[in-house]
Amino acid sequence: MARAVSRPRIALRLRSTSHSGAKKASPRTKKSRSPGTKSDPRPSTAAGERRPLPFVVRFLVMLIAFAAMVAFAAALAQITLQPSPASEALTHSNLHPGRSLRAYLDQPELRDAFKQIGGNLVLGIPFGVLLPVLVPKARGILRVLLLTAAVMMMVELVQGAVITGRAFDVDDVILNTSGALFGYLLLGRRLNRAVHPRKRRRKNSEA
C-alpha cells in the first residue's frame, strides 16, 4: 500500500514543477514597433542646439554691421591716413616688434602711453566684431587675426610710403590685431554663430 500511494504523489510533483518551470521560462513579450510604423511627427532638436534666427533678423544684423564697417573705415582713414607735416622730422619707421611699446611705456606721463596703446587696441576691436558678421567664412581666431593683420599691414605700408608725417610701425599692427582678438572673443564669435549657423548633416539611420 505504501508503494502504491507514493507513486501518484511523485507524478503530481513532476507535473507541478514542469508546469511552473514552463511559466518561469516563458519570457514576457514586449510590444515592439515595426520599422514601418510612423514616429512622432514633431521635430526633435538635439540637446544644446539652438534654433537659427529668422532670415529678416539676420539680414538686418548684416545690414547694420555693413553700415558700421563703412563708418569705421572712414574714421580709420581719417585717423591713420591724414598727413601730419609738423611731425615729419619726429617719425621713424619701426620694424622691430616691441620697440615702440617700450617707447610708449617710457613716456613721463602715463596718459600719453595709455592713449597710444589703448587707441591702437580700440582700432582693432571693430574688426573682431564686424568681420565675422560680414564674412561667413571668418570663423575661428586664426582667420580673424590673419584678416585684421593683413588690413592693418596695408594701412601701415600706405602710411610709410605715401602719407607725410606718418611711418610704418609693426607694433601698431600687433596692437590692432590684439584688439581684434579681444573683440572676437567678446562679441564677434557669438554674432557669427547667430547670423551664420552651421548646417549639420543628418546621418540616415536606415541601412
N, C-alpha and C. Protein backbone atom coordinates (compact mmCIF):
# COMPACT_ATOMS: atom_id res chain seq x y z
N MET A 1 0.83 -1.21 0.00
CA MET A 1 0.00 0.00 0.00
C MET A 1 0.85 1.25 0.00
N ALA A 2 1.98 1.21 0.71
CA ALA A 2 2.84 2.40 0.78
C ALA A 2 3.43 2.73 -0.57
N ARG A 3 3.81 1.68 -1.33
CA ARG A 3 4.39 1.93 -2.65
C ARG A 3 3.35 2.47 -3.60
N ALA A 4 2.11 1.94 -3.56
CA ALA A 4 1.05 2.39 -4.47
C ALA A 4 0.66 3.82 -4.20
N VAL A 5 0.73 4.27 -2.96
CA VAL A 5 0.33 5.64 -2.62
C VAL A 5 1.42 6.62 -3.00
N SER A 6 2.69 6.24 -2.89
CA SER A 6 3.79 7.17 -3.14
C SER A 6 3.95 7.49 -4.61
N ARG A 7 3.60 6.62 -5.51
CA ARG A 7 3.80 6.85 -6.95
C ARG A 7 2.98 8.01 -7.49
N PRO A 8 1.69 8.14 -7.25
CA PRO A 8 0.94 9.30 -7.80
C PRO A 8 1.42 10.62 -7.22
N ARG A 9 1.92 10.64 -5.98
CA ARG A 9 2.43 11.90 -5.43
C ARG A 9 3.65 12.37 -6.21
N ILE A 10 4.53 11.44 -6.55
CA ILE A 10 5.72 11.81 -7.32
C ILE A 10 5.32 12.33 -8.69
N ALA A 11 4.34 11.70 -9.30
CA ALA A 11 3.87 12.15 -10.61
C ALA A 11 3.28 13.53 -10.54
N LEU A 12 2.51 13.80 -9.44
CA LEU A 12 1.93 15.12 -9.28
C LEU A 12 3.01 16.17 -9.10
N ARG A 13 4.05 15.84 -8.32
CA ARG A 13 5.14 16.79 -8.12
C ARG A 13 5.86 17.09 -9.43
N LEU A 14 6.08 16.07 -10.23
CA LEU A 14 6.75 16.29 -11.51
C LEU A 14 5.92 17.17 -12.43
N ARG A 15 4.64 16.94 -12.46
CA ARG A 15 3.78 17.76 -13.29
C ARG A 15 3.73 19.21 -12.83
N SER A 16 3.66 19.41 -11.49
CA SER A 16 3.60 20.79 -10.97
C SER A 16 4.90 21.53 -11.24
N THR A 17 6.05 20.85 -11.04
CA THR A 17 7.33 21.51 -11.28
C THR A 17 7.53 21.81 -12.75
N SER A 18 7.11 20.91 -13.62
CA SER A 18 7.26 21.16 -15.05
C SER A 18 6.36 22.29 -15.49
N HIS A 19 5.19 22.42 -14.92
CA HIS A 19 4.26 23.48 -15.29
C HIS A 19 4.77 24.84 -14.82
N SER A 20 5.29 24.87 -13.56
CA SER A 20 5.82 26.14 -13.03
C SER A 20 7.08 26.54 -13.76
N GLY A 21 7.93 25.55 -14.12
CA GLY A 21 9.15 25.87 -14.87
C GLY A 21 8.83 26.41 -16.24
N ALA A 22 7.77 25.91 -16.85
CA ALA A 22 7.38 26.42 -18.16
C ALA A 22 6.92 27.85 -18.07
N LYS A 23 6.23 28.18 -16.94
CA LYS A 23 5.79 29.56 -16.76
C LYS A 23 6.97 30.49 -16.55
N LYS A 24 7.97 30.04 -15.75
CA LYS A 24 9.13 30.89 -15.50
C LYS A 24 9.99 31.04 -16.75
N ALA A 25 10.07 29.99 -17.52
CA ALA A 25 10.94 30.04 -18.69
C ALA A 25 10.35 30.87 -19.80
N SER A 26 9.03 31.03 -19.78
CA SER A 26 8.41 31.78 -20.88
C SER A 26 8.69 33.27 -20.69
N PRO A 27 9.44 33.91 -21.58
CA PRO A 27 9.74 35.34 -21.44
C PRO A 27 8.53 36.18 -21.74
N ARG A 28 8.50 37.35 -21.09
CA ARG A 28 7.41 38.28 -21.33
C ARG A 28 7.66 39.04 -22.63
N THR A 29 6.71 38.99 -23.45
CA THR A 29 6.86 39.66 -24.75
C THR A 29 6.47 41.11 -24.60
N LYS A 30 7.32 41.99 -25.16
CA LYS A 30 7.04 43.43 -25.14
C LYS A 30 6.63 43.87 -26.53
N LYS A 31 5.83 44.86 -26.56
CA LYS A 31 5.38 45.39 -27.83
C LYS A 31 6.52 46.17 -28.48
N SER A 32 6.90 45.76 -29.64
CA SER A 32 7.98 46.44 -30.36
C SER A 32 7.41 47.08 -31.61
N ARG A 33 7.94 48.28 -31.91
CA ARG A 33 7.47 48.99 -33.09
C ARG A 33 8.13 48.43 -34.33
N SER A 34 7.33 48.19 -35.30
CA SER A 34 7.88 47.72 -36.57
C SER A 34 8.56 48.87 -37.28
N PRO A 35 9.53 48.59 -38.15
CA PRO A 35 10.22 49.67 -38.84
C PRO A 35 9.33 50.51 -39.72
N GLY A 36 8.17 50.02 -40.09
CA GLY A 36 7.29 50.79 -40.95
C GLY A 36 6.36 51.72 -40.21
N THR A 37 6.29 51.61 -38.87
CA THR A 37 5.39 52.46 -38.11
C THR A 37 5.89 53.88 -38.10
N LYS A 38 5.01 54.84 -38.03
CA LYS A 38 5.34 56.27 -38.01
C LYS A 38 5.76 56.69 -36.61
N SER A 39 6.76 57.54 -36.55
CA SER A 39 7.23 58.07 -35.27
C SER A 39 6.53 59.38 -34.98
N ASP A 40 6.99 60.03 -33.92
CA ASP A 40 6.38 61.28 -33.51
C ASP A 40 6.63 62.34 -34.58
N PRO A 41 5.58 62.96 -35.12
CA PRO A 41 5.79 63.93 -36.20
C PRO A 41 6.48 65.20 -35.76
N ARG A 42 6.53 65.50 -34.47
CA ARG A 42 7.17 66.73 -34.01
C ARG A 42 8.68 66.62 -34.17
N PRO A 43 9.34 67.66 -34.71
CA PRO A 43 10.79 67.60 -34.91
C PRO A 43 11.52 67.61 -33.58
N SER A 44 12.49 66.72 -33.45
CA SER A 44 13.26 66.64 -32.22
C SER A 44 14.56 67.39 -32.41
N THR A 45 14.88 68.28 -31.48
CA THR A 45 16.11 69.06 -31.54
C THR A 45 17.13 68.44 -30.61
N ALA A 46 18.38 68.45 -31.02
CA ALA A 46 19.44 67.89 -30.21
C ALA A 46 19.67 68.74 -28.99
N ALA A 47 20.24 68.12 -27.97
CA ALA A 47 20.48 68.85 -26.73
C ALA A 47 21.54 69.91 -26.97
N GLY A 48 21.27 71.12 -26.54
CA GLY A 48 22.21 72.21 -26.68
C GLY A 48 22.17 72.90 -28.04
N GLU A 49 21.35 72.43 -28.98
CA GLU A 49 21.27 73.03 -30.31
C GLU A 49 20.23 74.14 -30.31
N ARG A 50 20.62 75.31 -30.77
CA ARG A 50 19.72 76.44 -30.80
C ARG A 50 19.10 76.60 -32.18
N ARG A 51 17.88 77.10 -32.19
CA ARG A 51 17.22 77.35 -33.46
C ARG A 51 17.83 78.59 -34.11
N PRO A 52 18.04 78.57 -35.43
CA PRO A 52 18.61 79.74 -36.09
C PRO A 52 17.66 80.91 -36.07
N LEU A 53 18.22 82.10 -36.14
CA LEU A 53 17.42 83.32 -36.16
C LEU A 53 16.65 83.42 -37.47
N PRO A 54 15.53 84.12 -37.48
CA PRO A 54 14.80 84.32 -38.74
C PRO A 54 15.65 85.06 -39.76
N PHE A 55 15.30 84.87 -41.02
CA PHE A 55 16.09 85.48 -42.10
C PHE A 55 16.05 86.99 -42.03
N VAL A 56 14.92 87.56 -41.68
CA VAL A 56 14.80 89.03 -41.61
C VAL A 56 15.73 89.59 -40.54
N VAL A 57 15.80 88.92 -39.41
CA VAL A 57 16.66 89.39 -38.32
C VAL A 57 18.13 89.30 -38.74
N ARG A 58 18.50 88.22 -39.37
CA ARG A 58 19.90 88.07 -39.81
C ARG A 58 20.26 89.09 -40.87
N PHE A 59 19.32 89.39 -41.76
CA PHE A 59 19.57 90.39 -42.79
C PHE A 59 19.76 91.78 -42.17
N LEU A 60 18.94 92.12 -41.20
CA LEU A 60 19.07 93.42 -40.53
C LEU A 60 20.40 93.52 -39.78
N VAL A 61 20.81 92.44 -39.14
CA VAL A 61 22.09 92.46 -38.42
C VAL A 61 23.25 92.66 -39.39
N MET A 62 23.21 91.98 -40.54
CA MET A 62 24.26 92.16 -41.53
C MET A 62 24.26 93.56 -42.12
N LEU A 63 23.07 94.13 -42.30
CA LEU A 63 22.98 95.49 -42.84
C LEU A 63 23.56 96.50 -41.85
N ILE A 64 23.24 96.33 -40.59
CA ILE A 64 23.80 97.23 -39.58
C ILE A 64 25.32 97.06 -39.48
N ALA A 65 25.78 95.82 -39.55
CA ALA A 65 27.22 95.59 -39.50
C ALA A 65 27.93 96.20 -40.70
N PHE A 66 27.31 96.15 -41.87
CA PHE A 66 27.92 96.76 -43.05
C PHE A 66 28.01 98.27 -42.91
N ALA A 67 26.93 98.88 -42.43
CA ALA A 67 26.97 100.33 -42.22
C ALA A 67 28.01 100.72 -41.17
N ALA A 68 28.12 99.92 -40.12
CA ALA A 68 29.12 100.20 -39.08
C ALA A 68 30.53 100.03 -39.63
N MET A 69 30.74 99.04 -40.50
CA MET A 69 32.07 98.85 -41.08
C MET A 69 32.45 100.00 -42.01
N VAL A 70 31.49 100.51 -42.78
CA VAL A 70 31.77 101.65 -43.65
C VAL A 70 32.13 102.88 -42.82
N ALA A 71 31.36 103.12 -41.76
CA ALA A 71 31.67 104.26 -40.89
C ALA A 71 33.02 104.10 -40.21
N PHE A 72 33.33 102.88 -39.81
CA PHE A 72 34.62 102.64 -39.17
C PHE A 72 35.77 102.81 -40.15
N ALA A 73 35.58 102.35 -41.39
CA ALA A 73 36.63 102.50 -42.40
C ALA A 73 36.89 103.98 -42.69
N ALA A 74 35.83 104.79 -42.73
CA ALA A 74 36.02 106.22 -42.94
C ALA A 74 36.77 106.86 -41.77
N ALA A 75 36.39 106.47 -40.56
CA ALA A 75 37.09 107.02 -39.39
C ALA A 75 38.54 106.56 -39.33
N LEU A 76 38.78 105.31 -39.70
CA LEU A 76 40.15 104.80 -39.70
C LEU A 76 41.02 105.52 -40.73
N ALA A 77 40.44 105.78 -41.90
CA ALA A 77 41.20 106.51 -42.92
C ALA A 77 41.50 107.93 -42.48
N GLN A 78 40.56 108.56 -41.80
CA GLN A 78 40.80 109.93 -41.33
C GLN A 78 41.86 109.98 -40.24
N ILE A 79 41.90 108.95 -39.40
CA ILE A 79 42.86 108.95 -38.30
C ILE A 79 44.27 108.58 -38.77
N THR A 80 44.34 107.54 -39.59
CA THR A 80 45.66 106.99 -39.94
C THR A 80 46.25 107.57 -41.22
N LEU A 81 45.41 108.01 -42.16
CA LEU A 81 45.90 108.47 -43.45
C LEU A 81 45.89 109.98 -43.60
N GLN A 82 45.69 110.68 -42.54
CA GLN A 82 45.72 112.15 -42.60
C GLN A 82 47.17 112.64 -42.46
N PRO A 83 47.65 113.46 -43.39
CA PRO A 83 49.04 113.92 -43.31
C PRO A 83 49.29 114.76 -42.06
N SER A 84 50.52 114.68 -41.56
CA SER A 84 50.94 115.46 -40.39
C SER A 84 52.34 116.02 -40.65
N PRO A 85 52.42 117.13 -41.43
CA PRO A 85 53.74 117.69 -41.77
C PRO A 85 54.54 118.14 -40.55
N ALA A 86 53.88 118.53 -39.47
CA ALA A 86 54.59 119.03 -38.30
C ALA A 86 55.43 117.95 -37.63
N SER A 87 54.99 116.69 -37.73
CA SER A 87 55.71 115.60 -37.08
C SER A 87 56.56 114.79 -38.05
N GLU A 88 56.85 115.37 -39.22
CA GLU A 88 57.61 114.63 -40.22
C GLU A 88 59.02 114.33 -39.74
N ALA A 89 59.63 115.28 -39.03
CA ALA A 89 61.02 115.08 -38.56
C ALA A 89 61.09 114.13 -37.37
N LEU A 90 59.97 113.87 -36.70
CA LEU A 90 59.97 113.04 -35.50
C LEU A 90 59.56 111.60 -35.77
N THR A 91 59.02 111.34 -36.92
CA THR A 91 58.52 109.99 -37.23
C THR A 91 59.63 109.13 -37.82
N HIS A 92 59.66 107.87 -37.38
CA HIS A 92 60.65 106.91 -37.88
C HIS A 92 59.96 105.55 -38.00
N SER A 93 60.29 104.85 -39.05
CA SER A 93 59.71 103.52 -39.24
C SER A 93 60.27 102.55 -38.20
N ASN A 94 59.42 101.63 -37.81
CA ASN A 94 59.81 100.63 -36.80
C ASN A 94 59.51 99.24 -37.34
N LEU A 95 60.54 98.46 -37.53
CA LEU A 95 60.41 97.08 -38.00
C LEU A 95 60.73 96.06 -36.92
N HIS A 96 61.03 96.52 -35.71
CA HIS A 96 61.38 95.64 -34.61
C HIS A 96 60.22 95.57 -33.62
N PRO A 97 59.58 94.42 -33.45
CA PRO A 97 58.45 94.32 -32.51
C PRO A 97 58.89 94.64 -31.08
N GLY A 98 58.11 95.48 -30.44
CA GLY A 98 58.36 95.85 -29.05
C GLY A 98 59.10 97.16 -28.86
N ARG A 99 59.71 97.69 -29.88
CA ARG A 99 60.47 98.92 -29.71
C ARG A 99 59.54 100.10 -29.41
N SER A 100 58.48 100.24 -30.17
CA SER A 100 57.55 101.35 -29.93
C SER A 100 56.80 101.17 -28.62
N LEU A 101 56.51 99.93 -28.25
CA LEU A 101 55.83 99.69 -26.98
C LEU A 101 56.69 100.15 -25.81
N ARG A 102 57.96 99.87 -25.87
CA ARG A 102 58.85 100.35 -24.80
C ARG A 102 58.93 101.87 -24.79
N ALA A 103 58.91 102.47 -25.96
CA ALA A 103 58.94 103.93 -26.03
C ALA A 103 57.66 104.53 -25.46
N TYR A 104 56.54 103.88 -25.71
CA TYR A 104 55.27 104.37 -25.14
C TYR A 104 55.30 104.29 -23.61
N LEU A 105 55.80 103.18 -23.08
CA LEU A 105 55.81 102.99 -21.63
C LEU A 105 56.86 103.85 -20.93
N ASP A 106 57.87 104.28 -21.65
CA ASP A 106 58.92 105.12 -21.06
C ASP A 106 58.55 106.60 -21.02
N GLN A 107 57.38 106.92 -21.54
CA GLN A 107 56.97 108.34 -21.52
C GLN A 107 56.71 108.78 -20.09
N PRO A 108 57.02 110.04 -19.79
CA PRO A 108 56.86 110.51 -18.40
C PRO A 108 55.41 110.51 -17.93
N GLU A 109 54.49 110.82 -18.82
CA GLU A 109 53.08 110.86 -18.43
C GLU A 109 52.40 109.56 -18.84
N LEU A 110 51.71 108.97 -17.89
CA LEU A 110 51.01 107.71 -18.15
C LEU A 110 49.86 107.90 -19.12
N ARG A 111 49.31 109.09 -19.15
CA ARG A 111 48.18 109.35 -20.04
C ARG A 111 48.57 109.20 -21.50
N ASP A 112 49.77 109.64 -21.86
CA ASP A 112 50.22 109.51 -23.24
C ASP A 112 50.42 108.05 -23.63
N ALA A 113 50.98 107.27 -22.72
CA ALA A 113 51.16 105.84 -23.01
C ALA A 113 49.81 105.14 -23.16
N PHE A 114 48.87 105.47 -22.30
CA PHE A 114 47.54 104.88 -22.39
C PHE A 114 46.85 105.29 -23.68
N LYS A 115 47.08 106.51 -24.12
CA LYS A 115 46.46 107.00 -25.35
C LYS A 115 47.01 106.26 -26.56
N GLN A 116 48.31 106.05 -26.60
CA GLN A 116 48.92 105.38 -27.74
C GLN A 116 48.56 103.89 -27.79
N ILE A 117 48.73 103.22 -26.66
CA ILE A 117 48.47 101.77 -26.63
C ILE A 117 46.97 101.49 -26.70
N GLY A 118 46.19 102.19 -25.88
CA GLY A 118 44.75 101.96 -25.87
C GLY A 118 44.09 102.34 -27.18
N GLY A 119 44.57 103.41 -27.81
CA GLY A 119 43.98 103.81 -29.09
C GLY A 119 44.19 102.76 -30.17
N ASN A 120 45.38 102.17 -30.23
CA ASN A 120 45.63 101.13 -31.23
C ASN A 120 44.83 99.86 -30.94
N LEU A 121 44.64 99.55 -29.67
CA LEU A 121 43.81 98.39 -29.33
C LEU A 121 42.35 98.61 -29.72
N VAL A 122 41.84 99.81 -29.48
CA VAL A 122 40.44 100.11 -29.81
C VAL A 122 40.22 100.08 -31.31
N LEU A 123 41.21 100.49 -32.09
CA LEU A 123 41.06 100.47 -33.53
C LEU A 123 40.88 99.05 -34.08
N GLY A 124 41.37 98.06 -33.40
CA GLY A 124 41.24 96.69 -33.88
C GLY A 124 39.98 95.99 -33.44
N ILE A 125 39.30 96.49 -32.41
CA ILE A 125 38.11 95.81 -31.88
C ILE A 125 37.00 95.68 -32.92
N PRO A 126 36.66 96.74 -33.70
CA PRO A 126 35.59 96.57 -34.69
C PRO A 126 35.85 95.47 -35.71
N PHE A 127 37.11 95.21 -36.04
CA PHE A 127 37.39 94.12 -36.96
C PHE A 127 36.98 92.78 -36.36
N GLY A 128 37.29 92.57 -35.11
CA GLY A 128 36.93 91.31 -34.47
C GLY A 128 35.44 91.13 -34.28
N VAL A 129 34.68 92.24 -34.25
CA VAL A 129 33.23 92.15 -34.06
C VAL A 129 32.49 92.09 -35.40
N LEU A 130 32.90 92.90 -36.37
CA LEU A 130 32.15 93.04 -37.61
C LEU A 130 32.55 92.05 -38.69
N LEU A 131 33.82 91.70 -38.76
CA LEU A 131 34.26 90.76 -39.80
C LEU A 131 33.53 89.41 -39.73
N PRO A 132 33.36 88.79 -38.55
CA PRO A 132 32.64 87.51 -38.51
C PRO A 132 31.18 87.63 -38.94
N VAL A 133 30.60 88.83 -38.87
CA VAL A 133 29.21 89.01 -39.30
C VAL A 133 29.13 89.19 -40.81
N LEU A 134 30.06 89.96 -41.38
CA LEU A 134 30.02 90.25 -42.81
C LEU A 134 30.62 89.12 -43.64
N VAL A 135 31.57 88.41 -43.11
CA VAL A 135 32.23 87.32 -43.84
C VAL A 135 31.87 86.00 -43.16
N PRO A 136 31.00 85.19 -43.75
CA PRO A 136 30.58 83.95 -43.09
C PRO A 136 31.73 82.99 -42.82
N LYS A 137 32.76 83.00 -43.68
CA LYS A 137 33.87 82.07 -43.51
C LYS A 137 34.89 82.54 -42.49
N ALA A 138 34.67 83.72 -41.92
CA ALA A 138 35.61 84.23 -40.91
C ALA A 138 35.31 83.61 -39.57
N ARG A 139 35.46 82.29 -39.50
CA ARG A 139 35.23 81.55 -38.26
C ARG A 139 36.58 81.19 -37.65
N GLY A 140 36.67 81.35 -36.37
CA GLY A 140 37.90 80.97 -35.70
C GLY A 140 38.82 82.15 -35.47
N ILE A 141 39.64 82.01 -34.45
CA ILE A 141 40.54 83.10 -34.06
C ILE A 141 41.59 83.35 -35.13
N LEU A 142 42.11 82.28 -35.72
CA LEU A 142 43.22 82.43 -36.65
C LEU A 142 42.82 83.24 -37.88
N ARG A 143 41.64 82.98 -38.41
CA ARG A 143 41.21 83.72 -39.61
C ARG A 143 40.98 85.19 -39.31
N VAL A 144 40.38 85.48 -38.18
CA VAL A 144 40.15 86.88 -37.81
C VAL A 144 41.47 87.60 -37.62
N LEU A 145 42.42 86.95 -36.98
CA LEU A 145 43.73 87.57 -36.76
C LEU A 145 44.46 87.81 -38.08
N LEU A 146 44.39 86.84 -38.99
CA LEU A 146 45.07 87.00 -40.27
C LEU A 146 44.46 88.11 -41.11
N LEU A 147 43.12 88.18 -41.14
CA LEU A 147 42.46 89.24 -41.91
C LEU A 147 42.77 90.62 -41.33
N THR A 148 42.70 90.73 -40.01
CA THR A 148 42.99 92.02 -39.38
C THR A 148 44.44 92.43 -39.60
N ALA A 149 45.35 91.49 -39.43
CA ALA A 149 46.76 91.80 -39.63
C ALA A 149 47.04 92.22 -41.07
N ALA A 150 46.38 91.58 -42.04
CA ALA A 150 46.58 91.94 -43.45
C ALA A 150 46.08 93.36 -43.73
N VAL A 151 44.90 93.70 -43.21
CA VAL A 151 44.36 95.05 -43.44
C VAL A 151 45.23 96.11 -42.77
N MET A 152 45.61 95.87 -41.53
CA MET A 152 46.42 96.84 -40.82
C MET A 152 47.83 96.95 -41.41
N MET A 153 48.34 95.88 -41.94
CA MET A 153 49.64 95.92 -42.60
C MET A 153 49.57 96.82 -43.83
N MET A 154 48.49 96.71 -44.60
CA MET A 154 48.33 97.57 -45.77
C MET A 154 48.22 99.03 -45.37
N VAL A 155 47.48 99.30 -44.29
CA VAL A 155 47.34 100.68 -43.82
C VAL A 155 48.70 101.24 -43.41
N GLU A 156 49.47 100.46 -42.69
CA GLU A 156 50.79 100.92 -42.24
C GLU A 156 51.74 101.12 -43.42
N LEU A 157 51.65 100.27 -44.42
CA LEU A 157 52.50 100.43 -45.60
C LEU A 157 52.16 101.71 -46.36
N VAL A 158 50.86 102.00 -46.48
CA VAL A 158 50.45 103.24 -47.14
C VAL A 158 50.91 104.44 -46.33
N GLN A 159 50.82 104.36 -45.02
CA GLN A 159 51.30 105.44 -44.16
C GLN A 159 52.78 105.73 -44.40
N GLY A 160 53.58 104.68 -44.39
CA GLY A 160 55.01 104.88 -44.52
C GLY A 160 55.46 105.29 -45.90
N ALA A 161 54.70 104.92 -46.93
CA ALA A 161 55.14 105.19 -48.30
C ALA A 161 54.55 106.45 -48.90
N VAL A 162 53.36 106.84 -48.50
CA VAL A 162 52.65 107.92 -49.18
C VAL A 162 52.37 109.11 -48.28
N ILE A 163 51.94 108.87 -47.05
CA ILE A 163 51.43 109.93 -46.19
C ILE A 163 52.59 110.68 -45.55
N THR A 164 52.54 112.00 -45.60
CA THR A 164 53.57 112.83 -45.00
C THR A 164 53.40 112.87 -43.49
N GLY A 165 54.50 112.67 -42.77
CA GLY A 165 54.46 112.70 -41.32
C GLY A 165 53.99 111.40 -40.69
N ARG A 166 53.83 110.36 -41.48
CA ARG A 166 53.43 109.04 -40.98
C ARG A 166 54.52 108.03 -41.30
N ALA A 167 54.61 106.98 -40.51
CA ALA A 167 55.64 105.97 -40.72
C ALA A 167 55.07 104.59 -40.42
N PHE A 168 55.72 103.58 -40.96
CA PHE A 168 55.31 102.20 -40.71
C PHE A 168 55.78 101.77 -39.33
N ASP A 169 54.88 101.14 -38.58
CA ASP A 169 55.21 100.68 -37.24
C ASP A 169 54.60 99.29 -37.04
N VAL A 170 55.43 98.30 -36.85
CA VAL A 170 54.95 96.94 -36.70
C VAL A 170 54.23 96.76 -35.36
N ASP A 171 54.56 97.56 -34.36
CA ASP A 171 53.87 97.45 -33.07
C ASP A 171 52.41 97.90 -33.17
N ASP A 172 52.13 98.84 -34.06
CA ASP A 172 50.74 99.23 -34.28
C ASP A 172 49.93 98.08 -34.86
N VAL A 173 50.54 97.32 -35.75
CA VAL A 173 49.86 96.15 -36.31
C VAL A 173 49.59 95.11 -35.23
N ILE A 174 50.55 94.92 -34.34
CA ILE A 174 50.38 93.95 -33.26
C ILE A 174 49.27 94.39 -32.31
N LEU A 175 49.23 95.66 -31.98
CA LEU A 175 48.19 96.16 -31.08
C LEU A 175 46.82 96.10 -31.73
N ASN A 176 46.73 96.46 -33.00
CA ASN A 176 45.44 96.38 -33.71
C ASN A 176 44.94 94.94 -33.79
N THR A 177 45.82 94.01 -34.05
CA THR A 177 45.44 92.61 -34.12
C THR A 177 45.00 92.08 -32.75
N SER A 178 45.67 92.53 -31.71
CA SER A 178 45.27 92.12 -30.36
C SER A 178 43.88 92.66 -30.02
N GLY A 179 43.59 93.89 -30.45
CA GLY A 179 42.25 94.43 -30.25
C GLY A 179 41.19 93.64 -31.00
N ALA A 180 41.52 93.19 -32.22
CA ALA A 180 40.58 92.36 -32.97
C ALA A 180 40.32 91.04 -32.26
N LEU A 181 41.34 90.46 -31.66
CA LEU A 181 41.16 89.23 -30.91
C LEU A 181 40.22 89.44 -29.73
N PHE A 182 40.39 90.54 -29.04
CA PHE A 182 39.51 90.84 -27.90
C PHE A 182 38.06 91.03 -28.36
N GLY A 183 37.87 91.75 -29.48
CA GLY A 183 36.51 91.94 -29.98
C GLY A 183 35.86 90.66 -30.45
N TYR A 184 36.66 89.77 -31.03
CA TYR A 184 36.10 88.50 -31.49
C TYR A 184 35.67 87.62 -30.32
N LEU A 185 36.51 87.54 -29.31
CA LEU A 185 36.16 86.72 -28.15
C LEU A 185 35.02 87.33 -27.36
N LEU A 186 34.89 88.64 -27.37
CA LEU A 186 33.85 89.29 -26.60
C LEU A 186 32.48 89.18 -27.26
N LEU A 187 32.41 89.46 -28.56
CA LEU A 187 31.11 89.52 -29.22
C LEU A 187 31.09 88.90 -30.62
N GLY A 188 32.19 88.99 -31.35
CA GLY A 188 32.18 88.55 -32.74
C GLY A 188 31.87 87.08 -32.92
N ARG A 189 32.37 86.24 -32.06
CA ARG A 189 32.13 84.80 -32.19
C ARG A 189 30.65 84.48 -32.01
N ARG A 190 29.99 85.13 -31.06
CA ARG A 190 28.56 84.87 -30.84
C ARG A 190 27.72 85.37 -32.00
N LEU A 191 28.07 86.54 -32.54
CA LEU A 191 27.32 87.06 -33.67
C LEU A 191 27.49 86.18 -34.90
N ASN A 192 28.66 85.66 -35.11
CA ASN A 192 28.88 84.77 -36.25
C ASN A 192 28.03 83.52 -36.15
N ARG A 193 27.95 82.94 -34.97
CA ARG A 193 27.15 81.73 -34.79
C ARG A 193 25.66 82.01 -34.93
N ALA A 194 25.22 83.22 -34.53
CA ALA A 194 23.81 83.55 -34.62
C ALA A 194 23.38 83.90 -36.04
N VAL A 195 24.22 84.65 -36.76
CA VAL A 195 23.85 85.10 -38.09
C VAL A 195 24.15 84.04 -39.14
N HIS A 196 25.22 83.29 -38.96
CA HIS A 196 25.62 82.27 -39.93
C HIS A 196 25.70 80.91 -39.24
N PRO A 197 24.57 80.30 -38.93
CA PRO A 197 24.62 79.00 -38.24
C PRO A 197 25.16 77.93 -39.17
N ARG A 198 25.86 77.00 -38.59
CA ARG A 198 26.43 75.90 -39.37
C ARG A 198 25.35 74.88 -39.68
N LYS A 199 25.40 74.36 -40.90
CA LYS A 199 24.45 73.34 -41.31
C LYS A 199 25.00 71.98 -40.95
N ARG A 200 24.30 71.29 -40.09
CA ARG A 200 24.74 69.96 -39.66
C ARG A 200 24.07 68.89 -40.51
N ARG A 201 24.89 68.02 -41.03
CA ARG A 201 24.37 66.94 -41.86
C ARG A 201 23.77 65.84 -40.98
N ARG A 202 22.58 65.47 -41.35
CA ARG A 202 21.90 64.41 -40.61
C ARG A 202 22.20 63.07 -41.26
N LYS A 203 22.70 62.16 -40.45
CA LYS A 203 23.01 60.83 -40.96
C LYS A 203 21.76 59.97 -40.99
N ASN A 204 21.57 59.31 -42.10
CA ASN A 204 20.41 58.43 -42.24
C ASN A 204 20.61 57.17 -41.41
N SER A 205 19.63 56.88 -40.60
CA SER A 205 19.72 55.70 -39.73
C SER A 205 19.41 54.42 -40.49
N GLU A 206 18.72 54.55 -41.64
CA GLU A 206 18.37 53.35 -42.40
C GLU A 206 19.60 52.83 -43.12
N ALA A 207 19.76 51.54 -43.17
CA ALA A 207 20.92 50.91 -43.84
C ALA A 207 20.73 50.96 -45.34
